[in-house]
Amino acid sequence: MLDLFFRKYAWTATLAILATVAWILARTVNVVVGEALRPAPEAALDGGPVAPREAAVAALDVDRLYRLIGVEPPAPAAAAPGAGPVG
């Protein structure tokens, strides 16, 4: 039964081999082109001490954010009478 399948559908084995070879060739070309395009690493040879970079603090513009997502900002919470800090 398997012999009949391979005699009748021998082209499937050829197709699988061709697909595998094409995949390997595409991966190889991708690696070669990627290496050609990647800039060469460079070392800083100035010899001076490196100053630490300050951490960047993200500032969030709330008004622009609400406009971007299309939502109205919540109304400011009014202090309710008798509502104070618990404790």
PDB file of N, CA and C in Angstrom:
ATOM      1  N   MET A   1       0.830  -1.186   0.000  1.00  0.00           N
ATOM      2  CA  MET A   1       0.000   0.000   0.000  1.00  0.00           C
ATOM      3  C   MET A   1       0.877   1.253   0.000  1.00  0.00           C
ATOM      4  N   LEU A   2       1.915   1.269   0.847  1.00  0.00           N
ATOM      5  CA  LEU A   2       2.824   2.402   0.884  1.00  0.00           C
ATOM      6  C   LEU A   2       3.615   2.487  -0.417  1.00  0.00           C
ATOM      7  N   ASP A   3       3.914   1.342  -0.994  1.00  0.00           N
ATOM      8  CA  ASP A   3       4.621   1.317  -2.265  1.00  0.00           C
ATOM      9  C   ASP A   3       3.778   1.985  -3.351  1.00  0.00           C
ATOM     10  N   LEU A   4       2.485   1.716  -3.353  1.00  0.00           N
ATOM     11  CA  LEU A   4       1.582   2.324  -4.322  1.00  0.00           C
ATOM     12  C   LEU A   4       1.528   3.838  -4.132  1.00  0.00           C
ATOM     13  N   PHE A   5       1.502   4.276  -2.879  1.00  0.00           N
ATOM     14  CA  PHE A   5       1.472   5.711  -2.598  1.00  0.00           C
ATOM     15  C   PHE A   5       2.714   6.395  -3.149  1.00  0.00           C
ATOM     16  N   PHE A   6       3.910   5.792  -2.913  1.00  0.00           N
ATOM     17  CA  PHE A   6       5.134   6.421  -3.381  1.00  0.00           C
ATOM     18  C   PHE A   6       5.272   6.376  -4.893  1.00  0.00           C
ATOM     19  N   ARG A   7       4.737   5.343  -5.534  1.00  0.00           N
ATOM     20  CA  ARG A   7       4.766   5.313  -6.996  1.00  0.00           C
ATOM     21  C   ARG A   7       3.818   6.346  -7.578  1.00  0.00           C
ATOM     22  N   LYS A   8       2.687   6.543  -6.944  1.00  0.00           N
ATOM     23  CA  LYS A   8       1.670   7.446  -7.474  1.00  0.00           C
ATOM     24  C   LYS A   8       1.982   8.909  -7.139  1.00  0.00           C
ATOM     25  N   TYR A   9       2.534   9.147  -5.940  1.00  0.00           N
ATOM     26  CA  TYR A   9       2.778  10.512  -5.489  1.00  0.00           C
ATOM     27  C   TYR A   9       4.261  10.762  -5.221  1.00  0.00           C
ATOM     28  N   ALA A  10       5.127  10.373  -6.126  1.00  0.00           N
ATOM     29  CA  ALA A  10       6.568  10.592  -5.970  1.00  0.00           C
ATOM     30  C   ALA A  10       6.892  12.079  -6.017  1.00  0.00           C
ATOM     31  N   TRP A  11       6.064  12.850  -6.662  1.00  0.00           N
ATOM     32  CA  TRP A  11       6.311  14.281  -6.766  1.00  0.00           C
ATOM     33  C   TRP A  11       6.228  14.976  -5.403  1.00  0.00           C
ATOM     34  N   THR A  12       5.512  14.379  -4.439  1.00  0.00           N
ATOM     35  CA  THR A  12       5.414  15.011  -3.125  1.00  0.00           C
ATOM     36  C   THR A  12       6.767  14.999  -2.405  1.00  0.00           C
ATOM     37  N   ALA A  13       7.527  13.923  -2.588  1.00  0.00           N
ATOM     38  CA  ALA A  13       8.857  13.862  -1.974  1.00  0.00           C
ATOM     39  C   ALA A  13       9.771  14.895  -2.616  1.00  0.00           C
ATOM     40  N   THR A  14       9.679  15.031  -3.939  1.00  0.00           N
ATOM     41  CA  THR A  14      10.479  16.031  -4.643  1.00  0.00           C
ATOM     42  C   THR A  14      10.097  17.432  -4.190  1.00  0.00           C
ATOM     43  N   LEU A  15       8.816  17.671  -4.030  1.00  0.00           N
ATOM     44  CA  LEU A  15       8.342  18.973  -3.583  1.00  0.00           C
ATOM     45  C   LEU A  15       8.821  19.277  -2.166  1.00  0.00           C
ATOM     46  N   ALA A  16       8.790  18.300  -1.293  1.00  0.00           N
ATOM     47  CA  ALA A  16       9.262  18.498   0.079  1.00  0.00           C
ATOM     48  C   ALA A  16      10.756  18.800   0.104  1.00  0.00           C
ATOM     49  N   ILE A  17      11.533  18.114  -0.714  1.00  0.00           N
ATOM     50  CA  ILE A  17      12.974  18.363  -0.779  1.00  0.00           C
ATOM     51  C   ILE A  17      13.249  19.752  -1.325  1.00  0.00           C
ATOM     52  N   LEU A  18      12.533  20.141  -2.383  1.00  0.00           N
ATOM     53  CA  LEU A  18      12.716  21.473  -2.956  1.00  0.00           C
ATOM     54  C   LEU A  18      12.331  22.567  -1.957  1.00  0.00           C
ATOM     55  N   ALA A  19      11.257  22.359  -1.217  1.00  0.00           N
ATOM     56  CA  ALA A  19      10.837  23.348  -0.226  1.00  0.00           C
ATOM     57  C   ALA A  19      11.873  23.473   0.877  1.00  0.00           C
ATOM     58  N   THR A  20      12.447  22.369   1.318  1.00  0.00           N
ATOM     59  CA  THR A  20      13.476  22.397   2.352  1.00  0.00           C
ATOM     60  C   THR A  20      14.729  23.110   1.868  1.00  0.00           C
ATOM     61  N   VAL A  21      15.150  22.827   0.664  1.00  0.00           N
ATOM     62  CA  VAL A  21      16.333  23.478   0.095  1.00  0.00           C
ATOM     63  C   VAL A  21      16.082  24.972  -0.077  1.00  0.00           C
ATOM     64  N   ALA A  22      14.889  25.354  -0.526  1.00  0.00           N
ATOM     65  CA  ALA A  22      14.568  26.772  -0.694  1.00  0.00           C
ATOM     66  C   ALA A  22      14.560  27.482   0.654  1.00  0.00           C
ATOM     67  N   TRP A  23      14.056  26.828   1.692  1.00  0.00           N
ATOM     68  CA  TRP A  23      14.031  27.429   3.025  1.00  0.00           C
ATOM     69  C   TRP A  23      15.450  27.642   3.552  1.00  0.00           C
ATOM     70  N   ILE A  24      16.308  26.633   3.386  1.00  0.00           N
ATOM     71  CA  ILE A  24      17.699  26.752   3.845  1.00  0.00           C
ATOM     72  C   ILE A  24      18.424  27.837   3.058  1.00  0.00           C
ATOM     73  N   LEU A  25      18.195  27.916   1.757  1.00  0.00           N
ATOM     74  CA  LEU A  25      18.830  28.937   0.939  1.00  0.00           C
ATOM     75  C   LEU A  25      18.353  30.337   1.338  1.00  0.00           C
ATOM     76  N   ALA A  26      17.056  30.484   1.611  1.00  0.00           N
ATOM     77  CA  ALA A  26      16.528  31.786   2.027  1.00  0.00           C
ATOM     78  C   ALA A  26      17.117  32.209   3.364  1.00  0.00           C
ATOM     79  N   ARG A  27      17.246  31.282   4.293  1.00  0.00           N
ATOM     80  CA  ARG A  27      17.845  31.612   5.591  1.00  0.00           C
ATOM     81  C   ARG A  27      19.315  32.021   5.435  1.00  0.00           C
ATOM     82  N   THR A  28      20.034  31.323   4.559  1.00  0.00           N
ATOM     83  CA  THR A  28      21.440  31.633   4.334  1.00  0.00           C
ATOM     84  C   THR A  28      21.591  33.017   3.715  1.00  0.00           C
ATOM     85  N   VAL A  29      20.785  33.323   2.709  1.00  0.00           N
ATOM     86  CA  VAL A  29      20.841  34.639   2.073  1.00  0.00           C
ATOM     87  C   VAL A  29      20.468  35.717   3.082  1.00  0.00           C
ATOM     88  N   ASN A  30      19.497  35.454   3.928  1.00  0.00           N
ATOM     89  CA  ASN A  30      19.090  36.419   4.936  1.00  0.00           C
ATOM     90  C   ASN A  30      20.235  36.720   5.899  1.00  0.00           C
ATOM     91  N   VAL A  31      20.949  35.716   6.330  1.00  0.00           N
ATOM     92  CA  VAL A  31      22.066  35.916   7.253  1.00  0.00           C
ATOM     93  C   VAL A  31      23.197  36.687   6.569  1.00  0.00           C
ATOM     94  N   VAL A  32      23.504  36.341   5.330  1.00  0.00           N
ATOM     95  CA  VAL A  32      24.598  37.002   4.616  1.00  0.00           C
ATOM     96  C   VAL A  32      24.270  38.466   4.369  1.00  0.00           C
ATOM     97  N   VAL A  33      23.065  38.759   3.921  1.00  0.00           N
ATOM     98  CA  VAL A  33      22.671  40.147   3.672  1.00  0.00           C
ATOM     99  C   VAL A  33      22.600  40.921   4.986  1.00  0.00           C
ATOM    100  N   GLY A  34      22.113  40.295   6.046  1.00  0.00           N
ATOM    101  CA  GLY A  34      22.072  40.957   7.343  1.00  0.00           C
ATOM    102  C   GLY A  34      23.452  41.323   7.848  1.00  0.00           C
ATOM    103  N   GLU A  35      24.414  40.447   7.661  1.00  0.00           N
ATOM    104  CA  GLU A  35      25.779  40.738   8.068  1.00  0.00           C
ATOM    105  C   GLU A  35      26.381  41.846   7.215  1.00  0.00           C
ATOM    106  N   ALA A  36      26.027  41.905   5.947  1.00  0.00           N
ATOM    107  CA  ALA A  36      26.563  42.951   5.069  1.00  0.00           C
ATOM    108  C   ALA A  36      25.991  44.313   5.436  1.00  0.00           C
ATOM    109  N   LEU A  37      24.748  44.362   5.888  1.00  0.00           N
ATOM    110  CA  LEU A  37      24.099  45.630   6.196  1.00  0.00           C
ATOM    111  C   LEU A  37      24.389  46.124   7.605  1.00  0.00           C
ATOM    112  N   ARG A  38      24.715  45.228   8.516  1.00  0.00           N
ATOM    113  CA  ARG A  38      24.923  45.603   9.907  1.00  0.00           C
ATOM    114  C   ARG A  38      26.202  46.430  10.034  1.00  0.00           C
ATOM    115  N   PRO A  39      26.141  47.564  10.747  1.00  0.00           N
ATOM    116  CA  PRO A  39      27.357  48.355  10.902  1.00  0.00           C
ATOM    117  C   PRO A  39      28.363  47.629  11.794  1.00  0.00           C
ATOM    118  N   ALA A  40      29.619  47.901  11.524  1.00  0.00           N
ATOM    119  CA  ALA A  40      30.681  47.257  12.289  1.00  0.00           C
ATOM    120  C   ALA A  40      30.712  47.838  13.699  1.00  0.00           C
ATOM    121  N   PRO A  41      30.943  47.009  14.707  1.00  0.00           N
ATOM    122  CA  PRO A  41      31.021  47.533  16.073  1.00  0.00           C
ATOM    123  C   PRO A  41      32.272  48.388  16.244  1.00  0.00           C
ATOM    124  N   GLU A  42      32.123  49.465  16.994  1.00  0.00           N
ATOM    125  CA  GLU A  42      33.248  50.362  17.242  1.00  0.00           C
ATOM    126  C   GLU A  42      33.428  50.531  18.744  1.00  0.00           C
ATOM    127  N   ALA A  43      34.664  50.552  19.166  1.00  0.00           N
ATOM    128  CA  ALA A  43      34.970  50.755  20.579  1.00  0.00           C
ATOM    129  C   ALA A  43      35.402  52.198  20.784  1.00  0.00           C
ATOM    130  N   ALA A  44      34.963  52.801  21.879  1.00  0.00           N
ATOM    131  CA  ALA A  44      35.380  54.158  22.211  1.00  0.00           C
ATOM    132  C   ALA A  44      36.771  54.088  22.829  1.00  0.00           C
ATOM    133  N   LEU A  45      37.725  54.673  22.155  1.00  0.00           N
ATOM    134  CA  LEU A  45      39.110  54.586  22.609  1.00  0.00           C
ATOM    135  C   LEU A  45      39.620  55.912  23.157  1.00  0.00           C
ATOM    136  N   ASP A  46      38.724  56.783  23.621  1.00  0.00           N
ATOM    137  CA  ASP A  46      39.163  58.082  24.116  1.00  0.00           C
ATOM    138  C   ASP A  46      39.855  57.969  25.475  1.00  0.00           C
ATOM    139  N   GLY A  47      39.610  56.912  26.226  1.00  0.00           N
ATOM    140  CA  GLY A  47      40.304  56.673  27.471  1.00  0.00           C
ATOM    141  C   GLY A  47      39.806  57.468  28.653  1.00  0.00           C
ATOM    142  N   GLY A  48      38.891  58.390  28.468  1.00  0.00           N
ATOM    143  CA  GLY A  48      38.391  59.187  29.572  1.00  0.00           C
ATOM    144  C   GLY A  48      37.315  58.442  30.341  1.00  0.00           C
ATOM    145  N   PRO A  49      37.078  58.919  31.563  1.00  0.00           N
ATOM    146  CA  PRO A  49      36.013  58.272  32.338  1.00  0.00           C
ATOM    147  C   PRO A  49      34.649  58.551  31.702  1.00  0.00           C
ATOM    148  N   VAL A  50      33.806  57.605  31.800  1.00  0.00           N
ATOM    149  CA  VAL A  50      32.480  57.726  31.227  1.00  0.00           C
ATOM    150  C   VAL A  50      31.543  58.273  32.288  1.00  0.00           C
ATOM    151  N   ALA A  51      30.904  59.392  31.972  1.00  0.00           N
ATOM    152  CA  ALA A  51      29.965  59.995  32.917  1.00  0.00           C
ATOM    153  C   ALA A  51      28.653  59.212  32.874  1.00  0.00           C
ATOM    154  N   PRO A  52      28.092  58.933  34.042  1.00  0.00           N
ATOM    155  CA  PRO A  52      26.821  58.191  34.023  1.00  0.00           C
ATOM    156  C   PRO A  52      25.711  59.050  33.440  1.00  0.00           C
ATOM    157  N   ARG A  53      24.896  58.430  32.635  1.00  0.00           N
ATOM    158  CA  ARG A  53      23.771  59.139  32.036  1.00  0.00           C
ATOM    159  C   ARG A  53      22.657  59.269  33.061  1.00  0.00           C
ATOM    160  N   GLU A  54      22.019  60.415  33.042  1.00  0.00           N
ATOM    161  CA  GLU A  54      20.901  60.615  33.949  1.00  0.00           C
ATOM    162  C   GLU A  54      19.699  59.835  33.423  1.00  0.00           C
ATOM    163  N   ALA A  55      18.959  59.315  34.343  1.00  0.00           N
ATOM    164  CA  ALA A  55      17.780  58.552  33.955  1.00  0.00           C
ATOM    165  C   ALA A  55      16.750  59.502  33.364  1.00  0.00           C
ATOM    166  N   ALA A  56      16.223  59.127  32.225  1.00  0.00           N
ATOM    167  CA  ALA A  56      15.209  59.943  31.569  1.00  0.00           C
ATOM    168  C   ALA A  56      13.875  59.736  32.277  1.00  0.00           C
ATOM    169  N   VAL A  57      13.259  60.835  32.628  1.00  0.00           N
ATOM    170  CA  VAL A  57      11.963  60.779  33.293  1.00  0.00           C
ATOM    171  C   VAL A  57      10.906  61.078  32.255  1.00  0.00           C
ATOM    172  N   ALA A  58       9.969  60.190  32.109  1.00  0.00           N
ATOM    173  CA  ALA A  58       8.915  60.368  31.122  1.00  0.00           C
ATOM    174  C   ALA A  58       7.847  61.298  31.679  1.00  0.00           C
ATOM    175  N   ALA A  59       7.518  62.304  30.896  1.00  0.00           N
ATOM    176  CA  ALA A  59       6.449  63.218  31.291  1.00  0.00           C
ATOM    177  C   ALA A  59       5.216  62.861  30.467  1.00  0.00           C
ATOM    178  N   LEU A  60       4.106  62.742  31.110  1.00  0.00           N
ATOM    179  CA  LEU A  60       2.883  62.334  30.453  1.00  0.00           C
ATOM    180  C   LEU A  60       1.948  63.530  30.347  1.00  0.00           C
ATOM    181  N   ASP A  61       1.590  63.886  29.114  1.00  0.00           N
ATOM    182  CA  ASP A  61       0.641  64.968  28.883  1.00  0.00           C
ATOM    183  C   ASP A  61      -0.751  64.352  28.857  1.00  0.00           C
ATOM    184  N   VAL A  62      -1.454  64.484  29.955  1.00  0.00           N
ATOM    185  CA  VAL A  62      -2.733  63.801  30.123  1.00  0.00           C
ATOM    186  C   VAL A  62      -3.769  64.311  29.132  1.00  0.00           C
ATOM    187  N   ASP A  63      -3.787  65.620  28.868  1.00  0.00           N
ATOM    188  CA  ASP A  63      -4.773  66.161  27.933  1.00  0.00           C
ATOM    189  C   ASP A  63      -4.586  65.581  26.538  1.00  0.00           C
ATOM    190  N   ARG A  64      -3.347  65.490  26.083  1.00  0.00           N
ATOM    191  CA  ARG A  64      -3.088  64.908  24.751  1.00  0.00           C
ATOM    192  C   ARG A  64      -3.432  63.424  24.731  1.00  0.00           C
ATOM    193  N   LEU A  65      -3.199  62.749  25.831  1.00  0.00           N
ATOM    194  CA  LEU A  65      -3.506  61.323  25.900  1.00  0.00           C
ATOM    195  C   LEU A  65      -5.001  61.082  25.763  1.00  0.00           C
ATOM    196  N   TYR A  66      -5.804  61.869  26.485  1.00  0.00           N
ATOM    197  CA  TYR A  66      -7.251  61.691  26.390  1.00  0.00           C
ATOM    198  C   TYR A  66      -7.758  62.034  24.993  1.00  0.00           C
ATOM    199  N   ARG A  67      -7.176  63.066  24.358  1.00  0.00           N
ATOM    200  CA  ARG A  67      -7.561  63.391  22.987  1.00  0.00           C
ATOM    201  C   ARG A  67      -7.178  62.263  22.034  1.00  0.00           C
ATOM    202  N   LEU A  68      -6.041  61.656  22.264  1.00  0.00           N
ATOM    203  CA  LEU A  68      -5.562  60.585  21.391  1.00  0.00           C
ATOM    204  C   LEU A  68      -6.477  59.372  21.430  1.00  0.00           C
ATOM    205  N   ILE A  69      -6.915  58.981  22.618  1.00  0.00           N
ATOM    206  CA  ILE A  69      -7.755  57.792  22.725  1.00  0.00           C
ATOM    207  C   ILE A  69      -9.231  58.111  22.576  1.00  0.00           C
ATOM    208  N   GLY A  70      -9.576  59.406  22.469  1.00  0.00           N
ATOM    209  CA  GLY A  70     -10.952  59.779  22.213  1.00  0.00           C
ATOM    210  C   GLY A  70     -11.877  59.636  23.402  1.00  0.00           C
ATOM    211  N   VAL A  71     -11.365  59.894  24.582  1.00  0.00           N
ATOM    212  CA  VAL A  71     -12.153  59.767  25.798  1.00  0.00           C
ATOM    213  C   VAL A  71     -12.091  61.101  26.534  1.00  0.00           C
ATOM    214  N   GLU A  72     -13.196  61.459  27.156  1.00  0.00           N
ATOM    215  CA  GLU A  72     -13.221  62.675  27.962  1.00  0.00           C
ATOM    216  C   GLU A  72     -12.518  62.411  29.290  1.00  0.00           C
ATOM    217  N   PRO A  73     -11.726  63.370  29.762  1.00  0.00           N
ATOM    218  CA  PRO A  73     -11.072  63.163  31.052  1.00  0.00           C
ATOM    219  C   PRO A  73     -12.109  63.159  32.166  1.00  0.00           C
ATOM    220  N   PRO A  74     -11.855  62.435  33.231  1.00  0.00           N
ATOM    221  CA  PRO A  74     -12.812  62.400  34.340  1.00  0.00           C
ATOM    222  C   PRO A  74     -12.895  63.760  35.021  1.00  0.00           C
ATOM    223  N   ALA A  75     -14.079  64.036  35.535  1.00  0.00           N
ATOM    224  CA  ALA A  75     -14.278  65.309  36.241  1.00  0.00           C
ATOM    225  C   ALA A  75     -13.464  65.298  37.524  1.00  0.00           C
ATOM    226  N   PRO A  76     -12.946  66.455  37.910  1.00  0.00           N
ATOM    227  CA  PRO A  76     -12.174  66.478  39.159  1.00  0.00           C
ATOM    228  C   PRO A  76     -13.063  66.122  40.338  1.00  0.00           C
ATOM    229  N   ALA A  77     -12.524  65.374  41.248  1.00  0.00           N
ATOM    230  CA  ALA A  77     -13.296  64.932  42.409  1.00  0.00           C
ATOM    231  C   ALA A  77     -13.492  66.110  43.347  1.00  0.00           C
ATOM    232  N   ALA A  78     -14.759  66.431  43.605  1.00  0.00           N
ATOM    233  CA  ALA A  78     -15.070  67.515  44.531  1.00  0.00           C
ATOM    234  C   ALA A  78     -15.097  66.937  45.937  1.00  0.00           C
ATOM    235  N   ALA A  79     -14.613  67.711  46.870  1.00  0.00           N
ATOM    236  CA  ALA A  79     -14.592  67.246  48.246  1.00  0.00           C
ATOM    237  C   ALA A  79     -16.035  67.236  48.786  1.00  0.00           C
ATOM    238  N   ALA A  80     -16.491  66.073  49.137  1.00  0.00           N
ATOM    239  CA  ALA A  80     -17.851  65.932  49.681  1.00  0.00           C
ATOM    240  C   ALA A  80     -17.836  66.391  51.132  1.00  0.00           C
ATOM    241  N   PRO A  81     -18.900  67.045  51.559  1.00  0.00           N
ATOM    242  CA  PRO A  81     -18.937  67.476  52.964  1.00  0.00           C
ATOM    243  C   PRO A  81     -18.906  66.273  53.904  1.00  0.00           C
ATOM    244  N   GLY A  82     -18.103  66.364  54.883  1.00  0.00           N
ATOM    245  CA  GLY A  82     -18.006  65.287  55.867  1.00  0.00           C
ATOM    246  C   GLY A  82     -17.051  64.185  55.452  1.00  0.00           C
ATOM    247  N   ALA A  83     -16.546  64.272  54.224  1.00  0.00           N
ATOM    248  CA  ALA A  83     -15.597  63.256  53.785  1.00  0.00           C
ATOM    249  C   ALA A  83     -14.209  63.780  54.056  1.00  0.00           C
ATOM    250  N   GLY A  84     -13.562  63.197  54.943  1.00  0.00           N
ATOM    251  CA  GLY A  84     -12.210  63.628  55.303  1.00  0.00           C
ATOM    252  C   GLY A  84     -11.338  62.422  55.465  1.00  0.00           C
ATOM    253  N   PRO A  85     -10.134  62.650  55.818  1.00  0.00           N
ATOM    254  CA  PRO A  85      -9.254  61.502  56.024  1.00  0.00           C
ATOM    255  C   PRO A  85      -9.718  60.658  57.190  1.00  0.00           C
ATOM    256  N   VAL A  86      -9.673  59.387  56.971  1.00  0.00           N
ATOM    257  CA  VAL A  86     -10.100  58.443  58.002  1.00  0.00           C
ATOM    258  C   VAL A  86      -8.929  58.212  58.925  1.00  0.00           C
ATOM    259  N   GLY A  87      -9.206  58.238  60.219  1.00  0.00           N
ATOM    260  CA  GLY A  87      -8.107  57.932  61.104  1.00  0.00           C
ATOM    261  C   GLY A  87      -8.188  58.685  62.303  1.00  0.00           C
TER     262      GLY A  87
END
